[in-house]
Full PDB file with SEQRES, HELIX, SHEET, SSBOND, CRYST1, ORIGX, SCALE, CONECT and MASTER records, all heavy atoms in Angstrom:
SEQRES   1 A   36  GLY CYS MET GLN LYS ARG ASN ARG HIS LEU VAL ASP CYS          
SEQRES   2 A   36  SER SER ALA CYS ILE CYS PHE LEU THR LYS HIS GLU GLY          
SEQRES   3 A   36  GLY THR ALA TYR THR VAL ASP TYR ALA LYS                      
HELIX    1 AA1 CYS A    2  ASP A   12  1                                  11    
HELIX    2 AA2 GLY A   26  ALA A   35  1                                  10    
CRYST1    1.000    1.000    1.000  90.00  90.00  90.00 P 1           1          
ORIGX1      1.000000  0.000000  0.000000        0.00000                         
ORIGX2      0.000000  1.000000  0.000000        0.00000                         
ORIGX3      0.000000  0.000000  1.000000        0.00000                         
SCALE1      1.000000  0.000000  0.000000        0.00000                         
SCALE2      0.000000  1.000000  0.000000        0.00000                         
SCALE3      0.000000  0.000000  1.000000        0.00000                         
ATOM      1  N   GLY A   1       4.741 -25.454  44.928  1.00  0.00           N  
ATOM      2  CA  GLY A   1       5.628 -26.597  45.022  1.00  0.00           C  
ATOM      3  C   GLY A   1       6.181 -27.068  43.685  1.00  0.00           C  
ATOM      4  O   GLY A   1       7.031 -27.964  43.652  1.00  0.00           O  
ATOM      5  N   CYS A   2       5.729 -26.482  42.572  1.00  0.00           N  
ATOM      6  CA  CYS A   2       6.208 -26.960  41.266  1.00  0.00           C  
ATOM      7  C   CYS A   2       7.685 -26.633  41.043  1.00  0.00           C  
ATOM      8  O   CYS A   2       8.390 -27.399  40.378  1.00  0.00           O  
ATOM      9  CB  CYS A   2       5.339 -26.443  40.117  1.00  0.00           C  
ATOM     10  SG  CYS A   2       5.479 -24.691  39.738  1.00  0.00           S  
ATOM     11  N   MET A   3       8.172 -25.535  41.591  1.00  0.00           N  
ATOM     12  CA  MET A   3       9.597 -25.208  41.458  1.00  0.00           C  
ATOM     13  C   MET A   3      10.454 -26.209  42.233  1.00  0.00           C  
ATOM     14  O   MET A   3      11.491 -26.660  41.741  1.00  0.00           O  
ATOM     15  CB  MET A   3       9.892 -23.793  41.950  1.00  0.00           C  
ATOM     16  CG  MET A   3       9.157 -22.721  41.186  1.00  0.00           C  
ATOM     17  SD  MET A   3       9.582 -22.740  39.446  1.00  0.00           S  
ATOM     18  CE  MET A   3       9.162 -21.092  38.991  1.00  0.00           C  
ATOM     19  N   GLN A   4      10.022 -26.555  43.429  1.00  0.00           N  
ATOM     20  CA  GLN A   4      10.744 -27.548  44.225  1.00  0.00           C  
ATOM     21  C   GLN A   4      10.746 -28.897  43.520  1.00  0.00           C  
ATOM     22  O   GLN A   4      11.774 -29.586  43.481  1.00  0.00           O  
ATOM     23  CB  GLN A   4      10.121 -27.682  45.611  1.00  0.00           C  
ATOM     24  CG  GLN A   4      10.855 -28.674  46.488  1.00  0.00           C  
ATOM     25  CD  GLN A   4      10.206 -28.840  47.848  1.00  0.00           C  
ATOM     26  OE1 GLN A   4       9.035 -28.530  48.051  1.00  0.00           O  
ATOM     27  NE2 GLN A   4      10.975 -29.351  48.796  1.00  0.00           N  
ATOM     28  N   LYS A   5       9.616 -29.271  42.924  1.00  0.00           N  
ATOM     29  CA  LYS A   5       9.553 -30.529  42.184  1.00  0.00           C  
ATOM     30  C   LYS A   5      10.545 -30.511  41.018  1.00  0.00           C  
ATOM     31  O   LYS A   5      11.245 -31.489  40.771  1.00  0.00           O  
ATOM     32  CB  LYS A   5       8.141 -30.778  41.667  1.00  0.00           C  
ATOM     33  CG  LYS A   5       8.014 -32.073  40.908  1.00  0.00           C  
ATOM     34  CD  LYS A   5       6.604 -32.330  40.424  1.00  0.00           C  
ATOM     35  CE  LYS A   5       6.554 -33.625  39.635  1.00  0.00           C  
ATOM     36  NZ  LYS A   5       5.216 -33.906  39.131  1.00  0.00           N  
ATOM     37  N   ARG A   6      10.618 -29.373  40.300  1.00  0.00           N  
ATOM     38  CA  ARG A   6      11.562 -29.242  39.188  1.00  0.00           C  
ATOM     39  C   ARG A   6      13.002 -29.386  39.686  1.00  0.00           C  
ATOM     40  O   ARG A   6      13.813 -30.101  39.101  1.00  0.00           O  
ATOM     41  CB  ARG A   6      11.366 -27.888  38.498  1.00  0.00           C  
ATOM     42  CG  ARG A   6      12.166 -27.645  37.222  1.00  0.00           C  
ATOM     43  CD  ARG A   6      13.520 -26.979  37.391  1.00  0.00           C  
ATOM     44  NE  ARG A   6      13.582 -25.950  38.406  1.00  0.00           N  
ATOM     45  CZ  ARG A   6      13.438 -24.643  38.185  1.00  0.00           C  
ATOM     46  NH1 ARG A   6      13.203 -24.195  36.969  1.00  0.00           N  
ATOM     47  NH2 ARG A   6      13.541 -23.784  39.166  1.00  0.00           N  
ATOM     48  N   ASN A   7      13.320 -28.698  40.790  1.00  0.00           N  
ATOM     49  CA  ASN A   7      14.681 -28.745  41.331  1.00  0.00           C  
ATOM     50  C   ASN A   7      15.069 -30.162  41.758  1.00  0.00           C  
ATOM     51  O   ASN A   7      16.185 -30.608  41.505  1.00  0.00           O  
ATOM     52  CB  ASN A   7      14.819 -27.772  42.496  1.00  0.00           C  
ATOM     53  CG  ASN A   7      14.705 -26.327  42.046  1.00  0.00           C  
ATOM     54  OD1 ASN A   7      14.766 -26.022  40.863  1.00  0.00           O  
ATOM     55  ND2 ASN A   7      14.513 -25.434  42.996  1.00  0.00           N  
ATOM     56  N   ARG A   8      14.151 -30.876  42.387  1.00  0.00           N  
ATOM     57  CA  ARG A   8      14.420 -32.252  42.794  1.00  0.00           C  
ATOM     58  C   ARG A   8      14.612 -33.141  41.562  1.00  0.00           C  
ATOM     59  O   ARG A   8      15.476 -34.013  41.549  1.00  0.00           O  
ATOM     60  CB  ARG A   8      13.311 -32.783  43.689  1.00  0.00           C  
ATOM     61  CG  ARG A   8      13.303 -32.113  45.071  1.00  0.00           C  
ATOM     62  CD  ARG A   8      12.182 -32.630  45.935  1.00  0.00           C  
ATOM     63  NE  ARG A   8      12.435 -33.975  46.407  1.00  0.00           N  
ATOM     64  CZ  ARG A   8      13.067 -34.290  47.529  1.00  0.00           C  
ATOM     65  NH1 ARG A   8      13.549 -33.329  48.303  1.00  0.00           N  
ATOM     66  NH2 ARG A   8      13.237 -35.541  47.885  1.00  0.00           N  
ATOM     67  N   HIS A   9      13.831 -32.913  40.537  1.00  0.00           N  
ATOM     68  CA  HIS A   9      13.968 -33.671  39.286  1.00  0.00           C  
ATOM     69  C   HIS A   9      15.356 -33.447  38.689  1.00  0.00           C  
ATOM     70  O   HIS A   9      16.002 -34.399  38.239  1.00  0.00           O  
ATOM     71  CB  HIS A   9      12.877 -33.263  38.297  1.00  0.00           C  
ATOM     72  CG  HIS A   9      12.982 -33.945  36.969  1.00  0.00           C  
ATOM     73  ND1 HIS A   9      12.398 -35.161  36.728  1.00  0.00           N  
ATOM     74  CD2 HIS A   9      13.614 -33.585  35.832  1.00  0.00           C  
ATOM     75  CE1 HIS A   9      12.674 -35.532  35.485  1.00  0.00           C  
ATOM     76  NE2 HIS A   9      13.403 -34.586  34.923  1.00  0.00           N  
ATOM     77  N   LEU A  10      15.807 -32.194  38.691  1.00  0.00           N  
ATOM     78  CA  LEU A  10      17.134 -31.887  38.160  1.00  0.00           C  
ATOM     79  C   LEU A  10      18.216 -32.665  38.912  1.00  0.00           C  
ATOM     80  O   LEU A  10      19.109 -33.245  38.300  1.00  0.00           O  
ATOM     81  CB  LEU A  10      17.414 -30.385  38.249  1.00  0.00           C  
ATOM     82  CG  LEU A  10      16.625 -29.489  37.301  1.00  0.00           C  
ATOM     83  CD1 LEU A  10      16.815 -28.019  37.674  1.00  0.00           C  
ATOM     84  CD2 LEU A  10      17.035 -29.732  35.863  1.00  0.00           C  
ATOM     85  N   VAL A  11      18.128 -32.668  40.222  1.00  0.00           N  
ATOM     86  CA  VAL A  11      19.109 -33.391  41.037  1.00  0.00           C  
ATOM     87  C   VAL A  11      19.006 -34.888  40.786  1.00  0.00           C  
ATOM     88  O   VAL A  11      20.014 -35.571  40.595  1.00  0.00           O  
ATOM     89  CB  VAL A  11      18.926 -33.065  42.538  1.00  0.00           C  
ATOM     90  CG1 VAL A  11      19.764 -33.996  43.413  1.00  0.00           C  
ATOM     91  CG2 VAL A  11      19.278 -31.605  42.816  1.00  0.00           C  
ATOM     92  N   ASP A  12      17.795 -35.408  40.770  1.00  0.00           N  
ATOM     93  CA  ASP A  12      17.593 -36.844  40.612  1.00  0.00           C  
ATOM     94  C   ASP A  12      18.120 -37.372  39.274  1.00  0.00           C  
ATOM     95  O   ASP A  12      18.449 -38.557  39.162  1.00  0.00           O  
ATOM     96  CB  ASP A  12      16.109 -37.203  40.758  1.00  0.00           C  
ATOM     97  CG  ASP A  12      15.593 -37.026  42.183  1.00  0.00           C  
ATOM     98  OD1 ASP A  12      16.416 -36.990  43.125  1.00  0.00           O  
ATOM     99  OD2 ASP A  12      14.366 -36.911  42.347  1.00  0.00           O  
ATOM    100  N   CYS A  13      18.198 -36.503  38.287  1.00  0.00           N  
ATOM    101  CA  CYS A  13      18.653 -36.917  36.952  1.00  0.00           C  
ATOM    102  C   CYS A  13      20.081 -36.460  36.649  1.00  0.00           C  
ATOM    103  O   CYS A  13      20.492 -36.444  35.488  1.00  0.00           O  
ATOM    104  CB  CYS A  13      17.691 -36.374  35.897  1.00  0.00           C  
ATOM    105  SG  CYS A  13      16.033 -37.043  36.031  1.00  0.00           S  
ATOM    106  N   SER A  14      20.831 -36.080  37.674  1.00  0.00           N  
ATOM    107  CA  SER A  14      22.170 -35.525  37.464  1.00  0.00           C  
ATOM    108  C   SER A  14      23.227 -36.286  38.255  1.00  0.00           C  
ATOM    109  O   SER A  14      22.923 -36.966  39.228  1.00  0.00           O  
ATOM    110  CB  SER A  14      22.205 -34.056  37.895  1.00  0.00           C  
ATOM    111  OG  SER A  14      21.296 -33.298  37.135  1.00  0.00           O  
ATOM    112  N   SER A  15      24.466 -36.125  37.831  1.00  0.00           N  
ATOM    113  CA  SER A  15      25.592 -36.677  38.576  1.00  0.00           C  
ATOM    114  C   SER A  15      26.443 -35.566  39.187  1.00  0.00           C  
ATOM    115  O   SER A  15      27.332 -35.826  39.983  1.00  0.00           O  
ATOM    116  CB  SER A  15      26.461 -37.542  37.667  1.00  0.00           C  
ATOM    117  OG  SER A  15      26.926 -36.780  36.573  1.00  0.00           O  
ATOM    118  N   ALA A  16      26.162 -34.318  38.795  1.00  0.00           N  
ATOM    119  CA  ALA A  16      26.902 -33.162  39.319  1.00  0.00           C  
ATOM    120  C   ALA A  16      25.948 -31.983  39.473  1.00  0.00           C  
ATOM    121  O   ALA A  16      24.921 -31.913  38.797  1.00  0.00           O  
ATOM    122  CB  ALA A  16      28.047 -32.785  38.388  1.00  0.00           C  
ATOM    123  N   CYS A  17      26.307 -31.083  40.359  1.00  0.00           N  
ATOM    124  CA  CYS A  17      25.519 -29.871  40.590  1.00  0.00           C  
ATOM    125  C   CYS A  17      26.463 -28.677  40.502  1.00  0.00           C  
ATOM    126  O   CYS A  17      27.383 -28.545  41.304  1.00  0.00           O  
ATOM    127  CB  CYS A  17      24.857 -29.934  41.969  1.00  0.00           C  
ATOM    128  SG  CYS A  17      23.977 -28.423  42.434  1.00  0.00           S  
ATOM    129  N   ILE A  18      26.241 -27.828  39.515  1.00  0.00           N  
ATOM    130  CA  ILE A  18      26.995 -26.586  39.386  1.00  0.00           C  
ATOM    131  C   ILE A  18      26.048 -25.473  39.817  1.00  0.00           C  
ATOM    132  O   ILE A  18      24.967 -25.318  39.244  1.00  0.00           O  
ATOM    133  CB  ILE A  18      27.485 -26.362  37.946  1.00  0.00           C  
ATOM    134  CG1 ILE A  18      28.360 -27.535  37.502  1.00  0.00           C  
ATOM    135  CG2 ILE A  18      28.235 -25.034  37.839  1.00  0.00           C  
ATOM    136  CD1 ILE A  18      28.732 -27.513  36.039  1.00  0.00           C  
ATOM    137  N   CYS A  19      26.435 -24.740  40.843  1.00  0.00           N  
ATOM    138  CA  CYS A  19      25.529 -23.732  41.398  1.00  0.00           C  
ATOM    139  C   CYS A  19      26.275 -22.424  41.637  1.00  0.00           C  
ATOM    140  O   CYS A  19      27.500 -22.352  41.545  1.00  0.00           O  
ATOM    141  CB  CYS A  19      24.929 -24.228  42.701  1.00  0.00           C  
ATOM    142  SG  CYS A  19      26.159 -24.482  44.011  1.00  0.00           S  
ATOM    143  N   PHE A  20      25.507 -21.404  41.956  1.00  0.00           N  
ATOM    144  CA  PHE A  20      26.043 -20.121  42.404  1.00  0.00           C  
ATOM    145  C   PHE A  20      25.311 -19.805  43.695  1.00  0.00           C  
ATOM    146  O   PHE A  20      24.243 -19.205  43.698  1.00  0.00           O  
ATOM    147  CB  PHE A  20      25.814 -19.034  41.349  1.00  0.00           C  
ATOM    148  CG  PHE A  20      26.560 -17.761  41.656  1.00  0.00           C  
ATOM    149  CD1 PHE A  20      27.859 -17.578  41.204  1.00  0.00           C  
ATOM    150  CD2 PHE A  20      25.974 -16.758  42.417  1.00  0.00           C  
ATOM    151  CE1 PHE A  20      28.561 -16.419  41.498  1.00  0.00           C  
ATOM    152  CE2 PHE A  20      26.662 -15.594  42.719  1.00  0.00           C  
ATOM    153  CZ  PHE A  20      27.958 -15.417  42.254  1.00  0.00           C  
ATOM    154  N   LEU A  21      25.861 -20.263  44.801  1.00  0.00           N  
ATOM    155  CA  LEU A  21      25.226 -20.155  46.110  1.00  0.00           C  
ATOM    156  C   LEU A  21      26.027 -19.202  46.985  1.00  0.00           C  
ATOM    157  O   LEU A  21      27.176 -19.476  47.317  1.00  0.00           O  
ATOM    158  CB  LEU A  21      25.145 -21.541  46.769  1.00  0.00           C  
ATOM    159  CG  LEU A  21      24.496 -21.609  48.143  1.00  0.00           C  
ATOM    160  CD1 LEU A  21      23.026 -21.204  48.072  1.00  0.00           C  
ATOM    161  CD2 LEU A  21      24.627 -23.019  48.707  1.00  0.00           C  
ATOM    162  N   THR A  22      25.405 -18.062  47.342  1.00  0.00           N  
ATOM    163  CA  THR A  22      26.085 -17.066  48.162  1.00  0.00           C  
ATOM    164  C   THR A  22      25.500 -16.962  49.566  1.00  0.00           C  
ATOM    165  O   THR A  22      26.128 -16.400  50.450  1.00  0.00           O  
ATOM    166  CB  THR A  22      26.016 -15.677  47.505  1.00  0.00           C  
ATOM    167  OG1 THR A  22      24.648 -15.324  47.296  1.00  0.00           O  
ATOM    168  CG2 THR A  22      26.772 -15.669  46.171  1.00  0.00           C  
ATOM    169  N   LYS A  23      24.304 -17.468  49.775  1.00  0.00           N  
ATOM    170  CA  LYS A  23      23.694 -17.470  51.107  1.00  0.00           C  
ATOM    171  C   LYS A  23      22.908 -18.766  51.269  1.00  0.00           C  
ATOM    172  O   LYS A  23      22.355 -19.296  50.308  1.00  0.00           O  
ATOM    173  CB  LYS A  23      22.800 -16.252  51.327  1.00  0.00           C  
ATOM    174  CG  LYS A  23      21.711 -16.073  50.287  1.00  0.00           C  
ATOM    175  CD  LYS A  23      20.938 -14.786  50.493  1.00  0.00           C  
ATOM    176  CE  LYS A  23      19.904 -14.625  49.374  1.00  0.00           C  
ATOM    177  NZ  LYS A  23      19.134 -13.424  49.528  1.00  0.00           N  
ATOM    178  N   HIS A  24      22.925 -19.256  52.473  1.00  0.00           N  
ATOM    179  CA  HIS A  24      22.329 -20.565  52.701  1.00  0.00           C  
ATOM    180  C   HIS A  24      20.856 -20.434  53.103  1.00  0.00           C  
ATOM    181  O   HIS A  24      20.472 -20.751  54.235  1.00  0.00           O  
ATOM    182  CB  HIS A  24      23.118 -21.346  53.742  1.00  0.00           C  
ATOM    183  CG  HIS A  24      22.930 -22.818  53.600  1.00  0.00           C  
ATOM    184  ND1 HIS A  24      23.529 -23.551  52.602  1.00  0.00           N  
ATOM    185  CD2 HIS A  24      22.160 -23.683  54.286  1.00  0.00           C  
ATOM    186  CE1 HIS A  24      23.153 -24.805  52.697  1.00  0.00           C  
ATOM    187  NE2 HIS A  24      22.323 -24.905  53.715  1.00  0.00           N  
ATOM    188  N   GLU A  25      20.073 -19.968  52.151  1.00  0.00           N  
ATOM    189  CA  GLU A  25      18.623 -19.878  52.348  1.00  0.00           C  
ATOM    190  C   GLU A  25      17.962 -19.846  50.977  1.00  0.00           C  
ATOM    191  O   GLU A  25      18.596 -19.527  49.972  1.00  0.00           O  
ATOM    192  CB  GLU A  25      18.251 -18.627  53.150  1.00  0.00           C  
ATOM    193  CG  GLU A  25      18.691 -17.331  52.499  1.00  0.00           C  
ATOM    194  CD  GLU A  25      18.426 -16.104  53.361  1.00  0.00           C  
ATOM    195  OE1 GLU A  25      18.584 -16.197  54.595  1.00  0.00           O  
ATOM    196  OE2 GLU A  25      18.067 -15.067  52.802  1.00  0.00           O  
ATOM    197  N   GLY A  26      16.703 -20.223  50.938  1.00  0.00           N  
ATOM    198  CA  GLY A  26      15.955 -20.172  49.688  1.00  0.00           C  
ATOM    199  C   GLY A  26      16.082 -21.433  48.851  1.00  0.00           C  
ATOM    200  O   GLY A  26      16.671 -22.443  49.265  1.00  0.00           O  
ATOM    201  N   GLY A  27      15.527 -21.356  47.648  1.00  0.00           N  
ATOM    202  CA  GLY A  27      15.434 -22.501  46.758  1.00  0.00           C  
ATOM    203  C   GLY A  27      16.767 -23.066  46.314  1.00  0.00           C  
ATOM    204  O   GLY A  27      16.940 -24.283  46.217  1.00  0.00           O  
ATOM    205  N   THR A  28      17.734 -22.196  46.048  1.00  0.00           N  
ATOM    206  CA  THR A  28      19.050 -22.680  45.623  1.00  0.00           C  
ATOM    207  C   THR A  28      19.708 -23.464  46.755  1.00  0.00           C  
ATOM    208  O   THR A  28      20.240 -24.557  46.529  1.00  0.00           O  
ATOM    209  CB  THR A  28      19.948 -21.520  45.169  1.00  0.00           C  
ATOM    210  OG1 THR A  28      19.309 -20.831  44.100  1.00  0.00           O  
ATOM    211  CG2 THR A  28      21.308 -22.018  44.717  1.00  0.00           C  
ATOM    212  N   ALA A  29      19.655 -22.939  47.970  1.00  0.00           N  
ATOM    213  CA  ALA A  29      20.252 -23.630  49.122  1.00  0.00           C  
ATOM    214  C   ALA A  29      19.569 -24.972  49.353  1.00  0.00           C  
ATOM    215  O   ALA A  29      20.242 -25.988  49.606  1.00  0.00           O  
ATOM    216  CB  ALA A  29      20.161 -22.760  50.368  1.00  0.00           C  
ATOM    217  N   TYR A  30      18.265 -24.997  49.256  1.00  0.00           N  
ATOM    218  CA  TYR A  30      17.528 -26.256  49.432  1.00  0.00           C  
ATOM    219  C   TYR A  30      17.974 -27.289  48.395  1.00  0.00           C  
ATOM    220  O   TYR A  30      18.216 -28.447  48.708  1.00  0.00           O  
ATOM    221  CB  TYR A  30      16.020 -26.004  49.314  1.00  0.00           C  
ATOM    222  CG  TYR A  30      15.220 -27.277  49.336  1.00  0.00           C  
ATOM    223  CD1 TYR A  30      14.824 -27.853  50.544  1.00  0.00           C  
ATOM    224  CD2 TYR A  30      14.893 -27.929  48.148  1.00  0.00           C  
ATOM    225  CE1 TYR A  30      14.108 -29.044  50.571  1.00  0.00           C  
ATOM    226  CE2 TYR A  30      14.179 -29.116  48.166  1.00  0.00           C  
ATOM    227  CZ  TYR A  30      13.788 -29.667  49.371  1.00  0.00           C  
ATOM    228  OH  TYR A  30      13.091 -30.847  49.393  1.00  0.00           O  
ATOM    229  N   THR A  31      18.098 -26.843  47.144  1.00  0.00           N  
ATOM    230  CA  THR A  31      18.473 -27.748  46.061  1.00  0.00           C  
ATOM    231  C   THR A  31      19.903 -28.251  46.232  1.00  0.00           C  
ATOM    232  O   THR A  31      20.190 -29.431  46.024  1.00  0.00           O  
ATOM    233  CB  THR A  31      18.288 -27.058  44.701  1.00  0.00           C  
ATOM    234  OG1 THR A  31      16.935 -26.607  44.606  1.00  0.00           O  
ATOM    235  CG2 THR A  31      18.596 -27.997  43.555  1.00  0.00           C  
ATOM    236  N   VAL A  32      20.810 -27.366  46.635  1.00  0.00           N  
ATOM    237  CA  VAL A  32      22.201 -27.771  46.869  1.00  0.00           C  
ATOM    238  C   VAL A  32      22.266 -28.778  48.017  1.00  0.00           C  
ATOM    239  O   VAL A  32      22.986 -29.782  47.929  1.00  0.00           O  
ATOM    240  CB  VAL A  32      23.097 -26.539  47.122  1.00  0.00           C  
ATOM    241  CG1 VAL A  32      24.477 -26.949  47.625  1.00  0.00           C  
ATOM    242  CG2 VAL A  32      23.215 -25.710  45.852  1.00  0.00           C  
ATOM    243  N   ASP A  33      21.511 -28.540  49.079  1.00  0.00           N  
ATOM    244  CA  ASP A  33      21.476 -29.502  50.188  1.00  0.00           C  
ATOM    245  C   ASP A  33      20.969 -30.862  49.715  1.00  0.00           C  
ATOM    246  O   ASP A  33      21.511 -31.900  50.090  1.00  0.00           O  
ATOM    247  CB  ASP A  33      20.602 -28.990  51.333  1.00  0.00           C  
ATOM    248  CG  ASP A  33      21.263 -27.906  52.154  1.00  0.00           C  
ATOM    249  OD1 ASP A  33      22.503 -27.748  52.059  1.00  0.00           O  
ATOM    250  OD2 ASP A  33      20.545 -27.209  52.887  1.00  0.00           O  
ATOM    251  N   TYR A  34      19.940 -30.848  48.891  1.00  0.00           N  
ATOM    252  CA  TYR A  34      19.396 -32.086  48.350  1.00  0.00           C  
ATOM    253  C   TYR A  34      20.438 -32.794  47.483  1.00  0.00           C  
ATOM    254  O   TYR A  34      20.610 -34.012  47.565  1.00  0.00           O  
ATOM    255  CB  TYR A  34      18.109 -31.800  47.569  1.00  0.00           C  
ATOM    256  CG  TYR A  34      17.430 -33.033  47.033  1.00  0.00           C  
ATOM    257  CD1 TYR A  34      16.909 -34.003  47.888  1.00  0.00           C  
ATOM    258  CD2 TYR A  34      17.292 -33.228  45.663  1.00  0.00           C  
ATOM    259  CE1 TYR A  34      16.289 -35.136  47.402  1.00  0.00           C  
ATOM    260  CE2 TYR A  34      16.667 -34.361  45.160  1.00  0.00           C  
ATOM    261  CZ  TYR A  34      16.162 -35.315  46.038  1.00  0.00           C  
ATOM    262  OH  TYR A  34      15.545 -36.434  45.542  1.00  0.00           O  
ATOM    263  N   ALA A  35      21.160 -32.025  46.675  1.00  0.00           N  
ATOM    264  CA  ALA A  35      22.216 -32.594  45.830  1.00  0.00           C  
ATOM    265  C   ALA A  35      23.309 -33.229  46.684  1.00  0.00           C  
ATOM    266  O   ALA A  35      23.820 -34.312  46.356  1.00  0.00           O  
ATOM    267  CB  ALA A  35      22.800 -31.517  44.918  1.00  0.00           C  
ATOM    268  N   LYS A  36      23.671 -32.580  47.790  1.00  0.00           N  
ATOM    269  CA  LYS A  36      24.674 -33.141  48.698  1.00  0.00           C  
ATOM    270  C   LYS A  36      24.177 -34.457  49.291  1.00  0.00           C  
ATOM    271  O   LYS A  36      24.929 -35.436  49.377  1.00  0.00           O  
ATOM    272  CB  LYS A  36      24.986 -32.151  49.825  1.00  0.00           C  
ATOM    273  CG  LYS A  36      25.815 -30.969  49.410  1.00  0.00           C  
ATOM    274  CD  LYS A  36      26.019 -30.032  50.595  1.00  0.00           C  
ATOM    275  CE  LYS A  36      26.763 -28.776  50.216  1.00  0.00           C  
ATOM    276  NZ  LYS A  36      26.862 -27.838  51.357  1.00  0.00           N  
TER     277      LYS A  36                                                      
MASTER        0    0    0    2    0    0    0    6  276    1    0    3          
END                                                                             
């Protein structure tokens, strides 16, 4: 769960999310959904 905690921290401390999301699954998709 430490990676998820890091990703949530990044979102919580940001005003924008720049990502490279090609499929809607995995850690990147979860983080982008959280950012949305």
